[in-house]
């Protein structure tokens, strides 16, 4: 009796010890990853600063980290000739967000529709490929000629870039749905709407969410390209003006702000992914990814 009790007590202690060891290993890995990230940034920025200070690289053409920091502070404090820096940031974010929402929604709808219907896929497929082959800068020029230099052309260009990324992933995700599950749902009397809602979309959701990670970056790119082609405000216009004034520090400072925006959006999309795909068992590779 006593031996059984001792054995039973030893099992939970062993499990707790294993869990504690796993947590310590996870904390060590996170610490080492962040140390590597910070170390890489220090080496890159320090090397850049040293090379420009020693004259190895000309700061007139390539900027300088200390100059970028000063220019960034100046932009936030004194703004630009097109208004405050905050308003220019918000203009670009607004264009990217609306374009992202429109492009993602359209991509999901068309991807699911064409993924289910081979007839629609055969009819519309060549036209979608033709539009996808058009250089984006040409589309941006067309939108600006047609709609002026307001926010609409930038939203449309951002939406186009997002659409094709999400569309092709949603289309492939629908094609990868298990046909046996679809057949069973039909046998059980599920309507087409119920099949789409409860079978097809959840099954393709992994593909769709994966596309969103890169899609927002392309939404920002679309907004910036449109602003460079013609705009009244926005970060793309700030970059274009800095370029025309031979101000590499201004270009890099604005690019740094754009990078922070994209990283923030990526973090939010990651949170959304974990929430929407909480039902999915973690893949073996995910256990080693932050």
Protein backbone atom coordinates (compact mmCIF):
# COMPACT_ATOMS: atom_id res chain seq x y z
CA UNK A 1 0.00 0.00 0.00
CA UNK A 2 2.79 2.38 0.94
CA UNK A 3 4.73 1.50 -2.23
CA UNK A 4 1.70 2.32 -4.39
CA UNK A 5 1.26 5.68 -2.66
CA UNK A 6 4.94 6.49 -3.09
CA UNK A 7 4.81 5.62 -6.80
CA UNK A 8 1.65 7.67 -7.31
CA UNK A 9 3.18 10.69 -5.58
CA UNK A 10 6.36 10.40 -7.62
CA UNK A 11 4.52 10.67 -10.96
CA UNK A 12 3.10 14.19 -10.40
CA UNK A 13 6.46 15.36 -9.01
CA UNK A 14 8.20 14.08 -12.12
CA UNK A 15 5.65 15.79 -14.37
CA UNK A 16 6.03 19.07 -12.46
CA UNK A 17 9.79 18.86 -12.74
CA UNK A 18 9.54 18.29 -16.49
CA UNK A 19 7.16 21.21 -16.89
CA UNK A 20 9.43 23.48 -14.87
CA UNK A 21 12.44 22.42 -16.95
CA UNK A 22 10.50 23.11 -20.16
CA UNK A 23 9.57 26.60 -18.94
CA UNK A 24 13.17 27.35 -18.05
CA UNK A 25 14.31 26.15 -21.45
CA UNK A 26 11.67 28.33 -23.15
CA UNK A 27 12.75 31.38 -21.13
CA UNK A 28 16.40 30.74 -21.99
CA UNK A 29 15.54 30.45 -25.67
CA UNK A 30 13.53 33.68 -25.65
CA UNK A 31 16.37 35.47 -23.86
CA UNK A 32 18.94 34.14 -26.34
CA UNK A 33 16.77 35.11 -29.33
CA UNK A 34 16.32 38.66 -28.05
CA UNK A 35 20.01 38.88 -27.24
CA UNK A 36 20.80 37.81 -30.81
CA UNK A 37 18.35 40.34 -32.25
CA UNK A 38 19.70 43.21 -30.17
CA UNK A 39 23.29 42.18 -30.83
CA UNK A 40 22.68 42.09 -34.59
CA UNK A 41 21.08 45.54 -34.48
CA UNK A 42 23.97 46.95 -32.44
CA UNK A 43 26.54 45.50 -34.86
CA UNK A 44 24.69 46.78 -37.94
CA UNK A 45 23.95 50.27 -36.61
CA UNK A 46 27.35 50.60 -34.91
CA UNK A 47 29.16 49.48 -38.04
CA UNK A 48 27.13 51.89 -40.16
CA UNK A 49 27.92 54.78 -37.81
CA UNK A 50 31.60 53.87 -37.68
CA UNK A 51 31.93 53.57 -41.46
CA UNK A 52 30.33 56.96 -42.06
CA UNK A 53 32.38 58.61 -39.28
CA UNK A 54 35.67 57.22 -40.59
CA UNK A 55 34.86 58.15 -44.18
CA UNK A 56 34.62 54.59 -45.46
CA UNK A 57 31.05 55.35 -46.61
CA UNK A 58 29.90 58.80 -47.65
CA UNK A 59 27.06 59.92 -45.33
CA UNK A 60 25.84 62.32 -48.03
CA UNK A 61 24.57 59.35 -50.03
CA UNK A 62 23.96 56.69 -47.36
CA UNK A 63 22.98 58.76 -44.32
CA UNK A 64 24.17 58.15 -40.78
CA UNK A 65 22.38 56.57 -37.80
CA UNK A 66 22.96 59.63 -35.61
CA UNK A 67 21.66 61.86 -38.41
CA UNK A 68 18.64 59.62 -38.89
CA UNK A 69 17.82 59.89 -35.18
CA UNK A 70 18.09 63.69 -35.31
CA UNK A 71 15.98 63.84 -38.46
CA UNK A 72 13.35 61.62 -36.88
CA UNK A 73 13.10 63.87 -33.84
CA UNK A 74 12.88 66.91 -36.10
CA UNK A 75 10.06 65.33 -38.13
CA UNK A 76 8.01 64.55 -35.04
CA UNK A 77 8.66 67.95 -33.45
CA UNK A 78 8.39 70.28 -36.45
CA UNK A 79 6.52 68.20 -39.02
CA UNK A 80 6.86 68.59 -42.77
CA UNK A 81 5.84 71.16 -45.35
CA UNK A 82 2.71 69.02 -45.94
CA UNK A 83 1.56 69.18 -42.33
CA UNK A 84 2.51 67.42 -39.13
CA UNK A 85 4.40 64.15 -39.36
CA UNK A 86 1.61 62.50 -37.37
CA UNK A 87 -0.99 63.49 -39.98
CA UNK A 88 1.20 62.09 -42.76
CA UNK A 89 1.58 58.83 -40.84
CA UNK A 90 -2.16 58.61 -40.31
CA UNK A 91 -2.84 59.28 -44.02
CA UNK A 92 -0.68 56.32 -45.05
CA UNK A 93 -2.09 54.06 -42.33
CA UNK A 94 -5.63 54.96 -43.31
CA UNK A 95 -5.00 54.23 -46.99
CA UNK A 96 -3.28 50.95 -46.15
CA UNK A 97 -5.95 49.80 -43.69
CA UNK A 98 -8.87 50.48 -46.03
CA UNK A 99 -7.02 48.95 -48.98
CA UNK A 100 -6.09 45.95 -46.82
CA UNK A 101 -9.71 45.42 -45.72
CA UNK A 102 -11.14 45.80 -49.23
CA UNK A 103 -8.47 43.64 -50.87
CA UNK A 104 -8.62 40.91 -48.23
CA UNK A 105 -12.42 40.70 -48.31
CA UNK A 106 -12.51 40.61 -52.11
CA UNK A 107 -9.70 38.05 -52.18
CA UNK A 108 -11.51 35.74 -49.77
CA UNK A 109 -14.85 36.03 -51.59
CA UNK A 110 -13.39 35.43 -55.06
CA UNK A 111 -10.99 32.77 -53.80
CA UNK A 112 -13.76 30.77 -52.14
CA UNK A 113 -16.13 31.23 -55.11
CA UNK A 114 -13.63 30.21 -57.77
CA UNK A 115 -12.17 27.47 -55.59
CA UNK A 116 -15.58 25.81 -55.42
CA UNK A 117 -16.66 26.36 -59.02
CA UNK A 118 -14.45 24.98 -61.75
CA UNK A 119 -16.64 26.76 -64.33
CA UNK A 120 -16.01 30.19 -62.77
CA UNK A 121 -12.35 29.33 -62.37
CA UNK A 122 -12.03 28.44 -66.06
CA UNK A 123 -13.92 31.56 -67.19
CA UNK A 124 -12.32 34.18 -64.92
CA UNK A 125 -8.91 32.58 -64.43
CA UNK A 126 -7.23 34.02 -67.56
CA UNK A 127 -8.52 37.53 -66.82
CA UNK A 128 -7.28 37.41 -63.23
CA UNK A 129 -3.86 36.32 -64.46
CA UNK A 130 -3.82 39.13 -67.03
CA UNK A 131 -4.58 41.79 -64.41
CA UNK A 132 -2.04 40.25 -62.03
CA UNK A 133 0.61 40.53 -64.77
CA UNK A 134 0.17 44.32 -65.09
CA UNK A 135 3.01 46.17 -63.29
CA UNK A 136 1.65 47.77 -60.14
CA UNK A 137 3.26 51.12 -60.88
CA UNK A 138 1.29 51.22 -64.14
CA UNK A 139 -1.93 50.52 -62.26
CA UNK A 140 -1.02 53.30 -59.84
CA UNK A 141 -0.57 55.75 -62.71
CA UNK A 142 -3.90 54.69 -64.20
CA UNK A 143 -5.69 55.17 -60.87
CA UNK A 144 -4.17 58.62 -60.37
CA UNK A 145 -5.12 59.74 -63.89
CA UNK A 146 -8.66 58.45 -63.34
CA UNK A 147 -9.29 59.52 -59.73
CA UNK A 148 -6.81 62.34 -59.03
CA UNK A 149 -4.20 62.59 -56.26
CA UNK A 150 -6.53 62.04 -53.30
CA UNK A 151 -6.61 58.94 -51.09
CA UNK A 152 -8.80 56.83 -53.43
CA UNK A 153 -6.04 55.84 -55.90
CA UNK A 154 -3.79 54.75 -53.03
CA UNK A 155 -6.58 52.69 -51.49
CA UNK A 156 -7.26 51.02 -54.84
CA UNK A 157 -3.60 50.24 -55.44
CA UNK A 158 -3.21 48.83 -51.93
CA UNK A 159 -6.38 46.77 -52.40
CA UNK A 160 -5.10 45.33 -55.70
CA UNK A 161 -1.82 44.22 -54.15
CA UNK A 162 -3.61 42.63 -51.20
CA UNK A 163 -6.30 41.03 -53.36
CA UNK A 164 -4.01 38.78 -55.37
CA UNK A 165 -2.06 37.55 -52.34
CA UNK A 166 -5.23 36.65 -50.43
CA UNK A 167 -7.08 35.38 -53.50
CA UNK A 168 -4.49 32.80 -54.53
CA UNK A 169 -4.14 31.53 -50.96
CA UNK A 170 -7.91 31.33 -50.41
CA UNK A 171 -8.32 29.63 -53.79
CA UNK A 172 -5.68 27.03 -52.99
CA UNK A 173 -7.03 26.58 -49.47
CA UNK A 174 -10.49 25.77 -50.82
CA UNK A 175 -9.01 23.31 -53.32
CA UNK A 176 -7.20 21.56 -50.48
CA UNK A 177 -10.38 20.88 -48.47
CA UNK A 178 -10.91 17.16 -47.88
CA UNK A 179 -13.51 15.98 -50.40
CA UNK A 180 -14.67 13.24 -48.04
CA UNK A 181 -15.65 15.87 -45.46
CA UNK A 182 -17.59 17.80 -48.11
CA UNK A 183 -19.36 14.62 -49.21
CA UNK A 184 -20.26 13.73 -45.63
CA UNK A 185 -21.64 17.23 -45.01
CA UNK A 186 -23.86 16.94 -48.08
CA UNK A 187 -25.06 13.49 -47.03
CA UNK A 188 -26.02 14.90 -43.63
CA UNK A 189 -28.18 17.49 -45.38
CA UNK A 190 -26.04 20.61 -45.00
CA UNK A 191 -26.93 23.44 -47.35
CA UNK A 192 -24.33 25.09 -49.57
CA UNK A 193 -24.24 28.11 -47.25
CA UNK A 194 -23.69 25.86 -44.23
CA UNK A 195 -20.95 23.96 -46.05
CA UNK A 196 -19.16 27.20 -46.89
CA UNK A 197 -19.52 28.57 -43.37
CA UNK A 198 -18.76 25.46 -41.34
CA UNK A 199 -16.50 23.39 -43.60
CA UNK A 200 -14.83 25.30 -46.43
CA UNK A 201 -13.94 28.59 -44.74
CA UNK A 202 -12.61 27.00 -41.51
CA UNK A 203 -10.57 24.53 -43.55
CA UNK A 204 -9.11 27.30 -45.73
CA UNK A 205 -8.63 29.68 -42.81
CA UNK A 206 -5.04 28.60 -42.24
CA UNK A 207 -4.17 29.52 -45.82
CA UNK A 208 -6.06 32.83 -45.61
CA UNK A 209 -4.50 33.92 -42.31
CA UNK A 210 -1.04 33.00 -43.60
CA UNK A 211 -1.56 35.33 -46.57
CA UNK A 212 -2.56 38.23 -44.30
CA UNK A 213 0.90 38.32 -42.70
CA UNK A 214 2.48 39.50 -45.94
CA UNK A 215 -0.64 41.20 -47.30
CA UNK A 216 -0.53 44.17 -44.92
CA UNK A 217 3.06 44.87 -45.92
CA UNK A 218 1.92 44.98 -49.54
CA UNK A 219 -0.94 47.29 -48.54
CA UNK A 220 1.64 49.70 -47.13
CA UNK A 221 3.70 49.34 -50.32
CA UNK A 222 0.65 50.11 -52.46
CA UNK A 223 -0.15 53.23 -50.44
CA UNK A 224 3.46 54.42 -50.58
CA UNK A 225 3.82 53.83 -54.33
CA UNK A 226 0.60 55.76 -54.94
CA UNK A 227 1.85 58.63 -52.76
CA UNK A 228 5.17 58.73 -54.59
CA UNK A 229 3.35 58.94 -57.93
CA UNK A 230 1.17 61.80 -56.74
CA UNK A 231 -0.24 62.87 -53.38
CA UNK A 232 -1.01 65.79 -51.12
CA UNK A 233 0.23 64.07 -47.95
CA UNK A 234 1.51 60.74 -46.70
CA UNK A 235 4.81 59.03 -45.91
CA UNK A 236 5.43 58.28 -49.57
CA UNK A 237 5.36 62.01 -50.29
CA UNK A 238 7.72 62.63 -47.36
CA UNK A 239 10.16 60.05 -48.82
CA UNK A 240 9.87 61.55 -52.31
CA UNK A 241 10.54 65.05 -50.98
CA UNK A 242 13.54 63.87 -48.95
CA UNK A 243 14.88 62.12 -52.04
CA UNK A 244 14.51 65.27 -54.16
CA UNK A 245 16.30 67.27 -51.45
CA UNK A 246 19.19 64.76 -51.28
CA UNK A 247 18.24 63.96 -47.68
CA UNK A 248 19.03 60.27 -47.10
CA UNK A 249 18.52 60.70 -43.35
CA UNK A 250 14.93 61.78 -44.01
CA UNK A 251 14.38 58.77 -46.28
CA UNK A 252 15.74 56.30 -43.72
CA UNK A 253 13.87 57.99 -40.84
CA UNK A 254 10.57 57.61 -42.69
CA UNK A 255 11.42 54.02 -43.61
CA UNK A 256 12.04 53.30 -39.93
CA UNK A 257 8.56 54.57 -39.06
CA UNK A 258 7.08 52.41 -41.82
CA UNK A 259 8.92 49.36 -40.46
CA UNK A 260 7.50 49.95 -36.98
CA UNK A 261 3.99 50.22 -38.42
CA UNK A 262 4.36 46.95 -40.35
CA UNK A 263 5.81 45.13 -37.33
CA UNK A 264 2.91 46.35 -35.19
CA UNK A 265 0.41 45.13 -37.77
CA UNK A 266 2.22 41.80 -37.98
CA UNK A 267 1.94 41.42 -34.19
CA UNK A 268 -1.80 42.16 -34.29
CA UNK A 269 -2.35 39.69 -37.14
CA UNK A 270 -0.44 37.07 -35.15
CA UNK A 271 -2.77 37.66 -32.19
CA UNK A 272 -5.77 37.33 -34.52
CA UNK A 273 -4.35 34.12 -35.96
CA UNK A 274 -3.94 32.53 -32.54
CA UNK A 275 -7.48 33.52 -31.62
CA UNK A 276 -9.13 32.29 -34.82
CA UNK A 277 -7.08 29.10 -35.02
CA UNK A 278 -7.19 28.22 -31.32
CA UNK A 279 -8.97 24.98 -32.24
CA UNK A 280 -6.07 23.80 -34.39
CA UNK A 281 -3.48 21.56 -32.73
CA UNK A 282 -0.02 23.15 -32.90
CA UNK A 283 2.24 21.94 -35.67
CA UNK A 284 5.54 20.36 -34.61
CA UNK A 285 7.48 23.31 -36.04
CA UNK A 286 5.42 25.87 -34.12
CA UNK A 287 6.72 24.70 -30.78
CA UNK A 288 10.13 26.12 -31.70
CA UNK A 289 8.91 29.41 -33.16
CA UNK A 290 8.33 32.57 -31.10
